[in-house]
Amino acid sequence: MAPTEKLLSACTLRSIDKLFKTRELSSLPSLDEWMAQPADMSELEEQILLRYQKGLAFNVHDWNEYELDTHFIGPVFSLADFSSPYFNHFGQRDIDAMVDSTLLYGRVDGMIASGRREPELPYFAFQEYKRNLDPNGDPAGQCLAAMLVGQSLGPDTTLPLYGCYVVGRDWYFLTLEGRNYAITKGHNALDTDELLDIFRLLRALRQFVAQRVATQLNEPLVLCGQSY
């Protein structure tokens, strides 16, 4: 069969499931572990998150994608602090890989990958989307497709890939194990407890990425005084 090409932005869950035989499950061990993982948060960080939340509450019905990212999503990711000499949070970067006999390619809104200045191995894919103002595309399908690319680029396709997509106020987290994936029911960032949970999950993700990179480099990492 001749190779085909598919743009990430054109992917939907339905097309990905059909093309790559992926399957959505109600839960996966990697997602359950992520949801239960503890993470530290300071009082100052909590105050900053609540300030961001006020801006979201005032603007959520009017922001476009760029404004949502600039004023809320980006600051939350920056506060979670994925910048390190070993991995980083990259935005608007192109990725591609052959998955089975299909070239998946395109630009992702964000990814967390090994490497400081350029992404190397992706561990997390992020897709933002403002359904209220621009109702086209499938952020879940786009995110899953990017995760399949990250899985194909990694040295061990049995390891889970992590992802998240945002629709307005709602954050959805997902993991991919082999060709099985699971998606959370969503966290409403306008609910204070759920907002703090979103931040906890991002901090837990930093722990997972640090551990994965330490294994990849075969050396311990020390970030903010904590060893991995």
Protein backbone atom coordinates (compact mmCIF):
# COMPACT_ATOMS: atom_id res chain seq x y z
CA MET A 1 0.00 0.00 0.00
CA ALA A 2 1.38 3.41 -0.97
CA PRO A 3 2.04 5.82 1.92
CA THR A 4 -0.60 8.47 2.57
CA GLU A 5 -0.42 11.83 4.32
CA LYS A 6 -2.72 13.37 6.90
CA LEU A 7 -2.54 16.84 8.41
CA LEU A 8 -2.95 16.99 12.19
CA SER A 9 -5.50 19.80 11.93
CA ALA A 10 -7.70 17.59 9.75
CA CYS A 11 -7.80 14.71 12.25
CA THR A 12 -10.87 13.74 14.22
CA LEU A 13 -11.31 10.98 16.76
CA ARG A 14 -13.46 9.13 14.24
CA SER A 15 -10.85 9.32 11.47
CA ILE A 16 -7.98 8.40 13.80
CA ASP A 17 -9.86 5.41 15.21
CA LYS A 18 -10.65 4.19 11.71
CA LEU A 19 -7.20 4.77 10.22
CA PHE A 20 -4.98 3.61 13.07
CA LYS A 21 -7.34 1.22 14.89
CA THR A 22 -7.14 3.27 18.07
CA ARG A 23 -9.76 2.58 20.72
CA GLU A 24 -11.18 4.76 23.45
CA LEU A 25 -11.51 3.10 26.87
CA SER A 26 -13.21 4.38 29.99
CA SER A 27 -9.90 4.31 31.88
CA LEU A 28 -6.23 3.42 31.54
CA PRO A 29 -3.61 2.78 34.25
CA SER A 30 -1.52 5.74 33.08
CA LEU A 31 -4.48 8.12 33.26
CA ASP A 32 -5.55 6.79 36.65
CA GLU A 33 -2.01 7.26 37.95
CA TRP A 34 -1.88 10.81 36.59
CA MET A 35 -5.20 11.74 38.18
CA ALA A 36 -4.05 10.42 41.56
CA GLN A 37 -0.50 11.83 41.52
CA PRO A 38 0.16 14.37 44.31
CA ALA A 39 2.04 17.60 43.58
CA ASP A 40 3.13 20.61 45.61
CA MET A 41 1.55 24.04 45.29
CA SER A 42 2.50 27.14 47.26
CA GLU A 43 0.08 29.67 48.69
CA LEU A 44 1.47 32.28 46.30
CA GLU A 45 0.85 29.99 43.31
CA GLU A 46 -2.73 29.47 44.45
CA GLN A 47 -3.27 33.24 44.69
CA ILE A 48 -1.84 33.73 41.19
CA LEU A 49 -4.12 31.02 39.77
CA LEU A 50 -7.17 32.69 41.32
CA ARG A 51 -6.14 35.98 39.70
CA TYR A 52 -5.94 34.24 36.31
CA GLN A 53 -9.35 32.72 37.02
CA LYS A 54 -10.91 36.17 37.47
CA GLY A 55 -9.72 37.15 34.00
CA LEU A 56 -11.09 33.94 32.53
CA ALA A 57 -14.49 34.46 34.18
CA PHE A 58 -14.74 37.96 32.75
CA ASN A 59 -13.61 37.09 29.20
CA VAL A 60 -14.31 33.42 28.51
CA HIS A 61 -17.32 34.08 26.25
CA ASP A 62 -15.42 36.59 24.12
CA TRP A 63 -11.79 35.48 23.89
CA ASN A 64 -10.58 33.90 20.66
CA GLU A 65 -7.94 31.15 20.69
CA TYR A 66 -5.01 33.55 20.76
CA GLU A 67 -6.47 35.57 23.62
CA LEU A 68 -7.38 32.46 25.61
CA ASP A 69 -3.82 31.20 25.24
CA THR A 70 -2.14 34.54 25.92
CA HIS A 71 -4.15 35.52 28.98
CA PHE A 72 -4.91 32.18 30.63
CA ILE A 73 -3.52 28.93 29.23
CA GLY A 74 0.02 30.18 28.68
CA PRO A 75 0.34 31.78 32.13
CA VAL A 76 -0.93 28.60 33.82
CA PHE A 77 1.65 26.50 31.96
CA SER A 78 4.38 29.04 32.79
CA LEU A 79 3.46 28.86 36.47
CA ALA A 80 3.70 25.07 36.36
CA ASP A 81 7.28 25.66 35.13
CA PHE A 82 8.38 23.16 32.49
CA SER A 83 11.56 25.08 31.60
CA SER A 84 14.74 23.16 32.36
CA PRO A 85 18.08 22.29 30.74
CA TYR A 86 16.65 18.84 29.93
CA PHE A 87 13.11 19.49 28.66
CA ASN A 88 10.89 22.45 27.85
CA HIS A 89 7.42 23.60 26.88
CA PHE A 90 7.40 24.45 23.16
CA GLY A 91 4.65 26.23 21.25
CA GLN A 92 3.61 26.28 17.59
CA ARG A 93 6.22 23.69 16.53
CA ASP A 94 5.95 21.37 13.55
CA ILE A 95 6.14 17.62 14.11
CA ASP A 96 5.79 14.62 11.81
CA ALA A 97 6.24 10.87 11.81
CA MET A 98 5.24 7.82 9.84
CA VAL A 99 2.50 6.02 11.75
CA ASP A 100 1.85 2.69 10.08
CA SER A 101 1.79 3.70 6.41
CA THR A 102 0.56 7.27 6.97
CA LEU A 103 2.64 10.41 7.38
CA LEU A 104 1.07 12.44 10.18
CA TYR A 105 2.33 16.01 10.15
CA GLY A 106 1.45 19.50 11.25
CA ARG A 107 1.82 22.14 13.94
CA VAL A 108 0.75 21.62 17.54
CA ASP A 109 -0.30 24.44 19.84
CA GLY A 110 2.06 23.13 22.49
CA MET A 111 4.20 20.19 23.49
CA ILE A 112 6.49 19.21 26.31
CA ALA A 113 9.55 17.46 24.93
CA SER A 114 13.13 16.70 25.81
CA GLY A 115 15.58 19.33 24.64
CA ARG A 116 16.13 22.90 25.74
CA ARG A 117 16.05 25.02 22.58
CA GLU A 118 14.49 22.58 20.12
CA PRO A 119 12.00 19.77 20.84
CA GLU A 120 13.48 16.30 20.57
CA LEU A 121 11.25 13.55 21.99
CA PRO A 122 7.67 14.67 22.74
CA TYR A 123 6.02 13.37 25.92
CA PHE A 124 2.96 15.62 26.03
CA ALA A 125 0.79 17.19 23.34
CA PHE A 126 -1.49 20.14 23.91
CA GLN A 127 -4.32 21.50 21.78
CA GLU A 128 -6.34 24.61 22.55
CA TYR A 129 -9.68 25.44 21.00
CA LYS A 130 -12.32 28.13 21.42
CA ARG A 131 -15.51 26.44 20.24
CA ASN A 132 -17.74 29.47 20.98
CA LEU A 133 -16.20 31.67 18.28
CA ASP A 134 -14.71 29.28 15.72
CA PRO A 135 -16.60 25.98 15.57
CA ASN A 136 -14.40 23.92 13.27
CA GLY A 137 -11.98 21.12 13.92
CA ASP A 138 -11.81 18.40 16.54
CA PRO A 139 -9.31 19.26 19.32
CA ALA A 140 -9.50 15.76 20.79
CA GLY A 141 -8.68 14.15 17.45
CA GLN A 142 -5.90 16.64 16.73
CA CYS A 143 -4.40 16.05 20.16
CA LEU A 144 -4.57 12.26 19.81
CA ALA A 145 -2.95 12.44 16.38
CA ALA A 146 -0.07 14.49 17.80
CA MET A 147 0.31 11.92 20.58
CA LEU A 148 0.57 9.15 17.96
CA VAL A 149 3.39 11.15 16.35
CA GLY A 150 5.15 11.45 19.71
CA GLN A 151 4.70 7.76 20.34
CA SER A 152 6.24 6.89 16.96
CA LEU A 153 9.23 9.18 17.55
CA GLY A 154 10.05 7.65 20.94
CA PRO A 155 12.44 4.76 21.52
CA ASP A 156 9.80 2.72 23.38
CA THR A 157 6.27 2.72 21.96
CA THR A 158 4.97 0.86 25.03
CA LEU A 159 5.42 3.93 27.25
CA PRO A 160 2.35 6.15 27.72
CA LEU A 161 1.97 9.52 26.01
CA TYR A 162 0.18 12.37 27.74
CA GLY A 163 -2.11 15.02 26.30
CA CYS A 164 -4.58 17.78 27.03
CA TYR A 165 -6.98 19.92 25.07
CA VAL A 166 -8.94 22.98 26.18
CA VAL A 167 -12.37 24.09 25.01
CA GLY A 168 -13.06 27.49 26.55
CA ARG A 169 -13.14 26.92 30.30
CA ASP A 170 -12.93 23.12 30.14
CA TRP A 171 -9.66 21.14 30.25
CA TYR A 172 -9.61 17.51 29.12
CA PHE A 173 -6.66 15.24 29.94
CA LEU A 174 -5.87 12.03 28.09
CA THR A 175 -3.25 9.32 27.84
CA LEU A 176 -2.32 6.91 25.07
CA GLU A 177 -1.07 3.37 25.72
CA GLY A 178 -0.33 1.46 22.54
CA ARG A 179 -3.43 2.10 20.45
CA ASN A 180 -5.74 2.54 23.46
CA TYR A 181 -6.58 5.95 24.89
CA ALA A 182 -8.75 7.39 27.65
CA ILE A 183 -10.03 10.93 28.20
CA THR A 184 -11.19 12.58 31.41
CA LYS A 185 -14.67 14.07 31.71
CA GLY A 186 -13.19 17.57 31.88
CA HIS A 187 -12.11 20.10 34.49
CA ASN A 188 -13.91 23.44 34.62
CA ALA A 189 -11.30 26.14 35.22
CA LEU A 190 -13.98 28.48 36.59
CA ASP A 191 -14.50 26.10 39.51
CA THR A 192 -11.76 26.88 42.04
CA ASP A 193 -11.24 23.29 43.21
CA GLU A 194 -11.05 22.06 39.62
CA LEU A 195 -8.66 24.87 38.66
CA LEU A 196 -6.31 23.87 41.47
CA ASP A 197 -6.65 20.27 40.30
CA ILE A 198 -5.65 21.34 36.76
CA PHE A 199 -2.51 22.91 38.16
CA ARG A 200 -1.78 19.81 40.26
CA LEU A 201 -2.03 17.65 37.15
CA LEU A 202 0.40 19.89 35.26
CA ARG A 203 2.86 19.73 38.15
CA ALA A 204 2.45 15.94 38.26
CA LEU A 205 3.12 15.88 34.53
CA ARG A 206 6.41 17.69 35.14
CA GLN A 207 7.38 14.87 37.51
CA PHE A 208 6.53 12.22 34.90
CA VAL A 209 8.50 14.03 32.19
CA ALA A 210 11.52 14.53 34.46
CA GLN A 211 11.52 10.83 35.31
CA ARG A 212 11.23 9.85 31.65
CA VAL A 213 14.07 12.16 30.59
CA ALA A 214 16.28 10.92 33.45
CA THR A 215 15.75 7.36 32.21
CA GLN A 216 16.47 8.43 28.64
CA LEU A 217 19.73 10.17 29.65
CA ASN A 218 20.59 7.45 32.15
CA GLU A 219 21.49 10.08 34.73
CA PRO A 220 19.66 11.74 37.63
CA LEU A 221 18.06 15.14 37.11
CA VAL A 222 17.90 17.80 39.81
CA LEU A 223 15.11 20.35 39.32
CA CYS A 224 14.27 22.94 41.98
CA GLY A 225 16.23 20.94 44.52
CA GLN A 226 14.34 17.72 43.76
CA SER A 227 16.05 14.68 42.24
CA TYR A 228 14.52 12.40 39.60
